[in-house]
Amino acid sequence: MNHDSLAYRIYKKSDIEETFSCNYELNPAYRATLEAGGLKVSGVSEDGGARIIELPGHRFFLATGFVPQYSSQADKPHPMIVSFLQAALEYKTSRYGL
């Protein structure tokens, strides 16, 4: 995982394991074009497939090829879900002063 990424800040480590059960993934032929447009592939599988894509500079733009809520539990929520909720609360507080 890219150390200069939101995903790294969320997980606090560079190697993670998530269940990938998607039938679709980023076509490698378009990766350079997407990255030239500002998106960043910050997490890849062992074979180089894009698993996490971000938009740097956005408060929380993170797309995954896995489903974080599948491994989330009430007593141990997935770190991406917790981070998303924190970002939403920070936005609400900054926008509405609540």
PDB file of N, CA and C in Angstrom:
ATOM      1  N   MET A   1       0.856  -1.175   0.000  1.00  0.00           N
ATOM      2  CA  MET A   1       0.000   0.000   0.000  1.00  0.00           C
ATOM      3  C   MET A   1       0.899   1.234   0.000  1.00  0.00           C
ATOM      4  N   ASN A   2       0.477   2.231  -0.715  1.00  0.00           N
ATOM      5  CA  ASN A   2       1.200   3.487  -0.810  1.00  0.00           C
ATOM      6  C   ASN A   2       1.201   4.179   0.551  1.00  0.00           C
ATOM      7  N   HIS A   3       2.387   4.532   1.055  1.00  0.00           N
ATOM      8  CA  HIS A   3       2.490   5.152   2.381  1.00  0.00           C
ATOM      9  C   HIS A   3       1.939   6.570   2.406  1.00  0.00           C
ATOM     10  N   ASP A   4       1.829   7.204   1.261  1.00  0.00           N
ATOM     11  CA  ASP A   4       1.284   8.552   1.167  1.00  0.00           C
ATOM     12  C   ASP A   4      -0.164   8.470   0.690  1.00  0.00           C
ATOM     13  N   SER A   5      -1.001   7.832   1.496  1.00  0.00           N
ATOM     14  CA  SER A   5      -2.385   7.621   1.064  1.00  0.00           C
ATOM     15  C   SER A   5      -3.327   7.624   2.259  1.00  0.00           C
ATOM     16  N   LEU A   6      -4.577   7.890   1.966  1.00  0.00           N
ATOM     17  CA  LEU A   6      -5.611   7.819   2.988  1.00  0.00           C
ATOM     18  C   LEU A   6      -5.730   6.389   3.515  1.00  0.00           C
ATOM     19  N   ALA A   7      -5.663   5.424   2.626  1.00  0.00           N
ATOM     20  CA  ALA A   7      -5.781   4.022   3.046  1.00  0.00           C
ATOM     21  C   ALA A   7      -4.690   3.650   4.054  1.00  0.00           C
ATOM     22  N   TYR A   8      -3.482   4.103   3.814  1.00  0.00           N
ATOM     23  CA  TYR A   8      -2.385   3.814   4.749  1.00  0.00           C
ATOM     24  C   TYR A   8      -2.657   4.479   6.104  1.00  0.00           C
ATOM     25  N   ARG A   9      -3.150   5.708   6.077  1.00  0.00           N
ATOM     26  CA  ARG A   9      -3.453   6.401   7.334  1.00  0.00           C
ATOM     27  C   ARG A   9      -4.587   5.694   8.091  1.00  0.00           C
ATOM     28  N   ILE A  10      -5.508   5.109   7.358  1.00  0.00           N
ATOM     29  CA  ILE A  10      -6.610   4.382   7.991  1.00  0.00           C
ATOM     30  C   ILE A  10      -6.131   3.079   8.614  1.00  0.00           C
ATOM     31  N   TYR A  11      -5.417   2.286   7.843  1.00  0.00           N
ATOM     32  CA  TYR A  11      -4.974   0.968   8.312  1.00  0.00           C
ATOM     33  C   TYR A  11      -3.744   1.029   9.222  1.00  0.00           C
ATOM     34  N   LYS A  12      -2.928   2.078   9.052  1.00  0.00           N
ATOM     35  CA  LYS A  12      -1.684   2.244   9.812  1.00  0.00           C
ATOM     36  C   LYS A  12      -0.692   1.107   9.546  1.00  0.00           C
ATOM     37  N   LYS A  13      -0.771   0.554   8.343  1.00  0.00           N
ATOM     38  CA  LYS A  13       0.182  -0.462   7.904  1.00  0.00           C
ATOM     39  C   LYS A  13       0.092  -0.579   6.390  1.00  0.00           C
ATOM     40  N   SER A  14       1.127  -1.169   5.804  1.00  0.00           N
ATOM     41  CA  SER A  14       1.172  -1.218   4.337  1.00  0.00           C
ATOM     42  C   SER A  14       0.655  -2.529   3.759  1.00  0.00           C
ATOM     43  N   ASP A  15       0.659  -3.585   4.517  1.00  0.00           N
ATOM     44  CA  ASP A  15       0.164  -4.875   4.026  1.00  0.00           C
ATOM     45  C   ASP A  15      -1.132  -5.229   4.747  1.00  0.00           C
ATOM     46  N   ILE A  16      -2.186  -5.414   3.968  1.00  0.00           N
ATOM     47  CA  ILE A  16      -3.485  -5.793   4.530  1.00  0.00           C
ATOM     48  C   ILE A  16      -4.039  -6.959   3.737  1.00  0.00           C
ATOM     49  N   GLU A  17      -5.008  -7.629   4.306  1.00  0.00           N
ATOM     50  CA  GLU A  17      -5.711  -8.694   3.604  1.00  0.00           C
ATOM     51  C   GLU A  17      -7.200  -8.434   3.713  1.00  0.00           C
ATOM     52  N   GLU A  18      -7.844  -8.360   2.565  1.00  0.00           N
ATOM     53  CA  GLU A  18      -9.285  -8.188   2.495  1.00  0.00           C
ATOM     54  C   GLU A  18      -9.817  -9.190   1.474  1.00  0.00           C
ATOM     55  N   THR A  19     -11.035  -9.604   1.648  1.00  0.00           N
ATOM     56  CA  THR A  19     -11.647 -10.546   0.721  1.00  0.00           C
ATOM     57  C   THR A  19     -12.130  -9.802  -0.510  1.00  0.00           C
ATOM     58  N   PHE A  20     -11.591 -10.164  -1.650  1.00  0.00           N
ATOM     59  CA  PHE A  20     -11.980  -9.560  -2.921  1.00  0.00           C
ATOM     60  C   PHE A  20     -12.967 -10.499  -3.585  1.00  0.00           C
ATOM     61  N   SER A  21     -14.211 -10.047  -3.707  1.00  0.00           N
ATOM     62  CA  SER A  21     -15.230 -10.907  -4.304  1.00  0.00           C
ATOM     63  C   SER A  21     -15.982 -10.188  -5.412  1.00  0.00           C
ATOM     64  N   CYS A  22     -15.311  -9.247  -6.039  1.00  0.00           N
ATOM     65  CA  CYS A  22     -15.932  -8.451  -7.087  1.00  0.00           C
ATOM     66  C   CYS A  22     -15.723  -9.135  -8.442  1.00  0.00           C
ATOM     67  N   ASN A  23     -16.710  -9.043  -9.295  1.00  0.00           N
ATOM     68  CA  ASN A  23     -16.574  -9.611 -10.643  1.00  0.00           C
ATOM     69  C   ASN A  23     -15.890  -8.649 -11.608  1.00  0.00           C
ATOM     70  N   TYR A  24     -15.689  -7.423 -11.163  1.00  0.00           N
ATOM     71  CA  TYR A  24     -15.106  -6.403 -12.022  1.00  0.00           C
ATOM     72  C   TYR A  24     -13.905  -5.787 -11.328  1.00  0.00           C
ATOM     73  N   GLU A  25     -12.987  -5.298 -12.120  1.00  0.00           N
ATOM     74  CA  GLU A  25     -11.882  -4.547 -11.556  1.00  0.00           C
ATOM     75  C   GLU A  25     -11.361  -3.578 -12.601  1.00  0.00           C
ATOM     76  N   LEU A  26     -10.512  -2.688 -12.180  1.00  0.00           N
ATOM     77  CA  LEU A  26      -9.971  -1.686 -13.078  1.00  0.00           C
ATOM     78  C   LEU A  26      -9.173  -2.346 -14.198  1.00  0.00           C
ATOM     79  N   ASN A  27      -9.498  -1.990 -15.423  1.00  0.00           N
ATOM     80  CA  ASN A  27      -8.742  -2.471 -16.576  1.00  0.00           C
ATOM     81  C   ASN A  27      -7.367  -1.805 -16.522  1.00  0.00           C
ATOM     82  N   PRO A  28      -6.289  -2.589 -16.432  1.00  0.00           N
ATOM     83  CA  PRO A  28      -4.952  -2.005 -16.325  1.00  0.00           C
ATOM     84  C   PRO A  28      -4.607  -1.040 -17.467  1.00  0.00           C
ATOM     85  N   ALA A  29      -5.240  -1.199 -18.608  1.00  0.00           N
ATOM     86  CA  ALA A  29      -4.972  -0.319 -19.739  1.00  0.00           C
ATOM     87  C   ALA A  29      -5.402   1.123 -19.447  1.00  0.00           C
ATOM     88  N   TYR A  30      -6.304   1.333 -18.484  1.00  0.00           N
ATOM     89  CA  TYR A  30      -6.804   2.667 -18.171  1.00  0.00           C
ATOM     90  C   TYR A  30      -6.196   3.267 -16.902  1.00  0.00           C
ATOM     91  N   ARG A  31      -5.373   2.508 -16.222  1.00  0.00           N
ATOM     92  CA  ARG A  31      -4.809   2.994 -14.955  1.00  0.00           C
ATOM     93  C   ARG A  31      -4.026   4.293 -15.134  1.00  0.00           C
ATOM     94  N   ALA A  32      -3.135   4.345 -16.090  1.00  0.00           N
ATOM     95  CA  ALA A  32      -2.318   5.553 -16.299  1.00  0.00           C
ATOM     96  C   ALA A  32      -3.191   6.764 -16.617  1.00  0.00           C
ATOM     97  N   THR A  33      -4.232   6.564 -17.381  1.00  0.00           N
ATOM     98  CA  THR A  33      -5.138   7.663 -17.725  1.00  0.00           C
ATOM     99  C   THR A  33      -5.859   8.176 -16.486  1.00  0.00           C
ATOM    100  N   LEU A  34      -6.342   7.267 -15.647  1.00  0.00           N
ATOM    101  CA  LEU A  34      -7.021   7.671 -14.420  1.00  0.00           C
ATOM    102  C   LEU A  34      -6.067   8.393 -13.474  1.00  0.00           C
ATOM    103  N   GLU A  35      -4.847   7.866 -13.358  1.00  0.00           N
ATOM    104  CA  GLU A  35      -3.871   8.505 -12.480  1.00  0.00           C
ATOM    105  C   GLU A  35      -3.464   9.877 -13.027  1.00  0.00           C
ATOM    106  N   ALA A  36      -3.375  10.020 -14.340  1.00  0.00           N
ATOM    107  CA  ALA A  36      -3.059  11.321 -14.941  1.00  0.00           C
ATOM    108  C   ALA A  36      -4.178  12.323 -14.668  1.00  0.00           C
ATOM    109  N   GLY A  37      -5.384  11.822 -14.486  1.00  0.00           N
ATOM    110  CA  GLY A  37      -6.529  12.673 -14.187  1.00  0.00           C
ATOM    111  C   GLY A  37      -6.683  12.993 -12.714  1.00  0.00           C
ATOM    112  N   GLY A  38      -5.811  12.467 -11.860  1.00  0.00           N
ATOM    113  CA  GLY A  38      -5.837  12.811 -10.445  1.00  0.00           C
ATOM    114  C   GLY A  38      -6.154  11.686  -9.495  1.00  0.00           C
ATOM    115  N   LEU A  39      -6.720  10.590  -9.988  1.00  0.00           N
ATOM    116  CA  LEU A  39      -6.977   9.456  -9.099  1.00  0.00           C
ATOM    117  C   LEU A  39      -5.658   8.752  -8.793  1.00  0.00           C
ATOM    118  N   LYS A  40      -5.614   8.075  -7.654  1.00  0.00           N
ATOM    119  CA  LYS A  40      -4.400   7.358  -7.271  1.00  0.00           C
ATOM    120  C   LYS A  40      -4.773   5.941  -6.857  1.00  0.00           C
ATOM    121  N   VAL A  41      -4.099   4.964  -7.449  1.00  0.00           N
ATOM    122  CA  VAL A  41      -4.256   3.576  -7.010  1.00  0.00           C
ATOM    123  C   VAL A  41      -3.335   3.423  -5.806  1.00  0.00           C
ATOM    124  N   SER A  42      -3.927   3.260  -4.634  1.00  0.00           N
ATOM    125  CA  SER A  42      -3.123   3.209  -3.411  1.00  0.00           C
ATOM    126  C   SER A  42      -3.017   1.813  -2.818  1.00  0.00           C
ATOM    127  N   GLY A  43      -3.799   0.883  -3.324  1.00  0.00           N
ATOM    128  CA  GLY A  43      -3.730  -0.492  -2.846  1.00  0.00           C
ATOM    129  C   GLY A  43      -3.875  -1.444  -4.005  1.00  0.00           C
ATOM    130  N   VAL A  44      -2.988  -2.429  -4.060  1.00  0.00           N
ATOM    131  CA  VAL A  44      -3.006  -3.408  -5.148  1.00  0.00           C
ATOM    132  C   VAL A  44      -2.937  -4.821  -4.585  1.00  0.00           C
ATOM    133  N   SER A  45      -3.406  -5.761  -5.384  1.00  0.00           N
ATOM    134  CA  SER A  45      -3.324  -7.173  -5.015  1.00  0.00           C
ATOM    135  C   SER A  45      -1.918  -7.675  -5.318  1.00  0.00           C
ATOM    136  N   GLU A  46      -1.656  -8.909  -4.948  1.00  0.00           N
ATOM    137  CA  GLU A  46      -0.332  -9.492  -5.212  1.00  0.00           C
ATOM    138  C   GLU A  46       0.001  -9.518  -6.692  1.00  0.00           C
ATOM    139  N   ASP A  47      -1.021  -9.631  -7.539  1.00  0.00           N
ATOM    140  CA  ASP A  47      -0.772  -9.660  -8.985  1.00  0.00           C
ATOM    141  C   ASP A  47      -0.842  -8.267  -9.621  1.00  0.00           C
ATOM    142  N   GLY A  48      -0.925  -7.219  -8.790  1.00  0.00           N
ATOM    143  CA  GLY A  48      -0.913  -5.854  -9.295  1.00  0.00           C
ATOM    144  C   GLY A  48      -2.264  -5.254  -9.615  1.00  0.00           C
ATOM    145  N   GLY A  49      -3.338  -5.988  -9.375  1.00  0.00           N
ATOM    146  CA  GLY A  49      -4.675  -5.470  -9.636  1.00  0.00           C
ATOM    147  C   GLY A  49      -5.050  -4.362  -8.654  1.00  0.00           C
ATOM    148  N   ALA A  50      -5.667  -3.313  -9.137  1.00  0.00           N
ATOM    149  CA  ALA A  50      -6.079  -2.195  -8.291  1.00  0.00           C
ATOM    150  C   ALA A  50      -7.176  -2.642  -7.331  1.00  0.00           C
ATOM    151  N   ARG A  51      -6.971  -2.404  -6.043  1.00  0.00           N
ATOM    152  CA  ARG A  51      -7.958  -2.768  -5.030  1.00  0.00           C
ATOM    153  C   ARG A  51      -8.460  -1.563  -4.243  1.00  0.00           C
ATOM    154  N   ILE A  52      -7.645  -0.500  -4.187  1.00  0.00           N
ATOM    155  CA  ILE A  52      -8.061   0.731  -3.514  1.00  0.00           C
ATOM    156  C   ILE A  52      -7.683   1.893  -4.423  1.00  0.00           C
ATOM    157  N   ILE A  53      -8.644   2.770  -4.663  1.00  0.00           N
ATOM    158  CA  ILE A  53      -8.420   3.957  -5.488  1.00  0.00           C
ATOM    159  C   ILE A  53      -8.878   5.167  -4.681  1.00  0.00           C
ATOM    160  N   GLU A  54      -8.077   6.236  -4.725  1.00  0.00           N
ATOM    161  CA  GLU A  54      -8.377   7.443  -3.962  1.00  0.00           C
ATOM    162  C   GLU A  54      -8.317   8.678  -4.846  1.00  0.00           C
ATOM    163  N   LEU A  55      -8.887   9.738  -4.336  1.00  0.00           N
ATOM    164  CA  LEU A  55      -8.757  11.058  -4.950  1.00  0.00           C
ATOM    165  C   LEU A  55      -8.055  11.939  -3.918  1.00  0.00           C
ATOM    166  N   PRO A  56      -6.742  12.101  -4.048  1.00  0.00           N
ATOM    167  CA  PRO A  56      -5.999  12.912  -3.074  1.00  0.00           C
ATOM    168  C   PRO A  56      -6.558  14.332  -2.991  1.00  0.00           C
ATOM    169  N   GLY A  57      -6.556  14.857  -1.783  1.00  0.00           N
ATOM    170  CA  GLY A  57      -7.053  16.206  -1.567  1.00  0.00           C
ATOM    171  C   GLY A  57      -8.535  16.271  -1.244  1.00  0.00           C
ATOM    172  N   HIS A  58      -9.262  15.222  -1.515  1.00  0.00           N
ATOM    173  CA  HIS A  58     -10.683  15.168  -1.171  1.00  0.00           C
ATOM    174  C   HIS A  58     -10.786  14.693   0.280  1.00  0.00           C
ATOM    175  N   ARG A  59     -11.786  15.168   0.995  1.00  0.00           N
ATOM    176  CA  ARG A  59     -11.871  14.804   2.412  1.00  0.00           C
ATOM    177  C   ARG A  59     -12.057  13.308   2.639  1.00  0.00           C
ATOM    178  N   PHE A  60     -12.759  12.633   1.727  1.00  0.00           N
ATOM    179  CA  PHE A  60     -12.871  11.176   1.850  1.00  0.00           C
ATOM    180  C   PHE A  60     -13.411  10.605   0.548  1.00  0.00           C
ATOM    181  N   PHE A  61     -12.517  10.357  -0.378  1.00  0.00           N
ATOM    182  CA  PHE A  61     -12.889   9.680  -1.623  1.00  0.00           C
ATOM    183  C   PHE A  61     -12.031   8.431  -1.688  1.00  0.00           C
ATOM    184  N   LEU A  62     -12.654   7.308  -1.431  1.00  0.00           N
ATOM    185  CA  LEU A  62     -11.946   6.039  -1.366  1.00  0.00           C
ATOM    186  C   LEU A  62     -12.845   4.971  -1.965  1.00  0.00           C
ATOM    187  N   ALA A  63     -12.361   4.308  -3.001  1.00  0.00           N
ATOM    188  CA  ALA A  63     -13.120   3.233  -3.631  1.00  0.00           C
ATOM    189  C   ALA A  63     -12.350   1.934  -3.445  1.00  0.00           C
ATOM    190  N   THR A  64     -13.070   0.865  -3.170  1.00  0.00           N
ATOM    191  CA  THR A  64     -12.399  -0.419  -2.958  1.00  0.00           C
ATOM    192  C   THR A  64     -13.015  -1.497  -3.848  1.00  0.00           C
ATOM    193  N   GLY A  65     -12.224  -2.508  -4.112  1.00  0.00           N
ATOM    194  CA  GLY A  65     -12.708  -3.677  -4.826  1.00  0.00           C
ATOM    195  C   GLY A  65     -13.187  -4.743  -3.859  1.00  0.00           C
ATOM    196  N   PHE A  66     -13.216  -4.413  -2.603  1.00  0.00           N
ATOM    197  CA  PHE A  66     -13.712  -5.319  -1.566  1.00  0.00           C
ATOM    198  C   PHE A  66     -14.793  -4.587  -0.779  1.00  0.00           C
ATOM    199  N   VAL A  67     -15.480  -5.291   0.078  1.00  0.00           N
ATOM    200  CA  VAL A  67     -16.614  -4.721   0.806  1.00  0.00           C
ATOM    201  C   VAL A  67     -16.272  -4.691   2.296  1.00  0.00           C
ATOM    202  N   PRO A  68     -15.841  -3.523   2.812  1.00  0.00           N
ATOM    203  CA  PRO A  68     -15.406  -3.447   4.212  1.00  0.00           C
ATOM    204  C   PRO A  68     -16.465  -3.890   5.222  1.00  0.00           C
ATOM    205  N   GLN A  69     -17.733  -3.622   4.937  1.00  0.00           N
ATOM    206  CA  GLN A  69     -18.754  -3.963   5.918  1.00  0.00           C
ATOM    207  C   GLN A  69     -18.909  -5.467   6.130  1.00  0.00           C
ATOM    208  N   TYR A  70     -18.431  -6.286   5.185  1.00  0.00           N
ATOM    209  CA  TYR A  70     -18.520  -7.737   5.373  1.00  0.00           C
ATOM    210  C   TYR A  70     -17.695  -8.221   6.550  1.00  0.00           C
ATOM    211  N   SER A  71     -16.572  -7.564   6.805  1.00  0.00           N
ATOM    212  CA  SER A  71     -15.733  -8.000   7.918  1.00  0.00           C
ATOM    213  C   SER A  71     -15.905  -7.117   9.152  1.00  0.00           C
ATOM    214  N   SER A  72     -16.835  -6.186   9.093  1.00  0.00           N
ATOM    215  CA  SER A  72     -17.084  -5.303  10.225  1.00  0.00           C
ATOM    216  C   SER A  72     -18.005  -5.987  11.227  1.00  0.00           C
ATOM    217  N   GLN A  73     -17.757  -5.743  12.496  1.00  0.00           N
ATOM    218  CA  GLN A  73     -18.586  -6.292  13.569  1.00  0.00           C
ATOM    219  C   GLN A  73     -18.959  -5.166  14.516  1.00  0.00           C
ATOM    220  N   ALA A  74     -20.036  -5.326  15.233  1.00  0.00           N
ATOM    221  CA  ALA A  74     -20.510  -4.270  16.133  1.00  0.00           C
ATOM    222  C   ALA A  74     -19.447  -3.881  17.154  1.00  0.00           C
ATOM    223  N   ASP A  75     -18.731  -4.857  17.676  1.00  0.00           N
ATOM    224  CA  ASP A  75     -17.707  -4.566  18.678  1.00  0.00           C
ATOM    225  C   ASP A  75     -16.333  -4.286  18.070  1.00  0.00           C
ATOM    226  N   LYS A  76     -16.206  -4.466  16.756  1.00  0.00           N
ATOM    227  CA  LYS A  76     -14.942  -4.202  16.069  1.00  0.00           C
ATOM    228  C   LYS A  76     -15.237  -3.742  14.641  1.00  0.00           C
ATOM    229  N   PRO A  77     -15.667  -2.475  14.512  1.00  0.00           N
ATOM    230  CA  PRO A  77     -16.010  -1.972  13.174  1.00  0.00           C
ATOM    231  C   PRO A  77     -14.773  -1.880  12.281  1.00  0.00           C
ATOM    232  N   HIS A  78     -14.988  -2.051  10.987  1.00  0.00           N
ATOM    233  CA  HIS A  78     -13.895  -1.975  10.021  1.00  0.00           C
ATOM    234  C   HIS A  78     -13.299  -0.562  10.068  1.00  0.00           C
ATOM    235  N   PRO A  79     -11.972  -0.445   9.997  1.00  0.00           N
ATOM    236  CA  PRO A  79     -11.347   0.881  10.084  1.00  0.00           C
ATOM    237  C   PRO A  79     -11.777   1.856   8.989  1.00  0.00           C
ATOM    238  N   MET A  80     -12.121   1.365   7.801  1.00  0.00           N
ATOM    239  CA  MET A  80     -12.584   2.281   6.755  1.00  0.00           C
ATOM    240  C   MET A  80     -13.947   2.873   7.097  1.00  0.00           C
ATOM    241  N   ILE A  81     -14.793   2.086   7.706  1.00  0.00           N
ATOM    242  CA  ILE A  81     -16.117   2.579   8.099  1.00  0.00           C
ATOM    243  C   ILE A  81     -15.975   3.625   9.198  1.00  0.00           C
ATOM    244  N   VAL A  82     -15.135   3.338  10.176  1.00  0.00           N
ATOM    245  CA  VAL A  82     -14.901   4.299  11.260  1.00  0.00           C
ATOM    246  C   VAL A  82     -14.335   5.601  10.698  1.00  0.00           C
ATOM    247  N   SER A  83     -13.378   5.504   9.796  1.00  0.00           N
ATOM    248  CA  SER A  83     -12.766   6.699   9.205  1.00  0.00           C
ATOM    249  C   SER A  83     -13.761   7.492   8.369  1.00  0.00           C
ATOM    250  N   PHE A  84     -14.626   6.799   7.640  1.00  0.00           N
ATOM    251  CA  PHE A  84     -15.657   7.486   6.863  1.00  0.00           C
ATOM    252  C   PHE A  84     -16.593   8.262   7.786  1.00  0.00           C
ATOM    253  N   LEU A  85     -17.026   7.631   8.861  1.00  0.00           N
ATOM    254  CA  LEU A  85     -17.922   8.298   9.802  1.00  0.00           C
ATOM    255  C   LEU A  85     -17.244   9.486  10.473  1.00  0.00           C
ATOM    256  N   GLN A  86     -15.963   9.356  10.787  1.00  0.00           N
ATOM    257  CA  GLN A  86     -15.218  10.473  11.368  1.00  0.00           C
ATOM    258  C   GLN A  86     -15.132  11.638  10.378  1.00  0.00           C
ATOM    259  N   ALA A  87     -14.864  11.331   9.115  1.00  0.00           N
ATOM    260  CA  ALA A  87     -14.789  12.375   8.088  1.00  0.00           C
ATOM    261  C   ALA A  87     -16.139  13.068   7.924  1.00  0.00           C
ATOM    262  N   ALA A  88     -17.216  12.310   7.964  1.00  0.00           N
ATOM    263  CA  ALA A  88     -18.554  12.894   7.845  1.00  0.00           C
ATOM    264  C   ALA A  88     -18.850  13.808   9.026  1.00  0.00           C
ATOM    265  N   LEU A  89     -18.477  13.389  10.219  1.00  0.00           N
ATOM    266  CA  LEU A  89     -18.695  14.207  11.407  1.00  0.00           C
ATOM    267  C   LEU A  89     -17.852  15.483  11.349  1.00  0.00           C
ATOM    268  N   GLU A  90     -16.602  15.357  10.936  1.00  0.00           N
ATOM    269  CA  GLU A  90     -15.743  16.539  10.807  1.00  0.00           C
ATOM    270  C   GLU A  90     -16.316  17.516   9.786  1.00  0.00           C
ATOM    271  N   TYR A  91     -16.825  17.006   8.681  1.00  0.00           N
ATOM    272  CA  TYR A  91     -17.421  17.867   7.661  1.00  0.00           C
ATOM    273  C   TYR A  91     -18.651  18.581   8.218  1.00  0.00           C
ATOM    274  N   LYS A  92     -19.491  17.826   8.880  1.00  0.00           N
ATOM    275  CA  LYS A  92     -20.714  18.410   9.463  1.00  0.00           C
ATOM    276  C   LYS A  92     -20.345  19.507  10.454  1.00  0.00           C
ATOM    277  N   THR A  93     -19.358  19.226  11.292  1.00  0.00           N
ATOM    278  CA  THR A  93     -18.926  20.201  12.306  1.00  0.00           C
ATOM    279  C   THR A  93     -18.354  21.448  11.645  1.00  0.00           C
ATOM    280  N   SER A  94     -17.525  21.273  10.625  1.00  0.00           N
ATOM    281  CA  SER A  94     -16.917  22.434   9.976  1.00  0.00           C
ATOM    282  C   SER A  94     -17.929  23.225   9.156  1.00  0.00           C
ATOM    283  N   ARG A  95     -18.870  22.553   8.562  1.00  0.00           N
ATOM    284  CA  ARG A  95     -19.849  23.237   7.711  1.00  0.00           C
ATOM    285  C   ARG A  95     -20.960  23.924   8.505  1.00  0.00           C
ATOM    286  N   TYR A  96     -21.422  23.246   9.542  1.00  0.00           N
ATOM    287  CA  TYR A  96     -22.575  23.744  10.281  1.00  0.00           C
ATOM    288  C   TYR A  96     -22.229  24.223  11.687  1.00  0.00           C
ATOM    289  N   GLY A  97     -20.969  24.063  12.074  1.00  0.00           N
ATOM    290  CA  GLY A  97     -20.553  24.531  13.396  1.00  0.00           C
ATOM    291  C   GLY A  97     -21.208  23.789  14.540  1.00  0.00           C
ATOM    292  N   LEU A  98     -21.560  22.553  14.300  1.00  0.00           N
ATOM    293  CA  LEU A  98     -22.221  21.765  15.356  1.00  0.00           C
ATOM    294  C   LEU A  98     -21.232  20.962  16.137  1.00  0.00           C
TER     295      LEU A  98
END
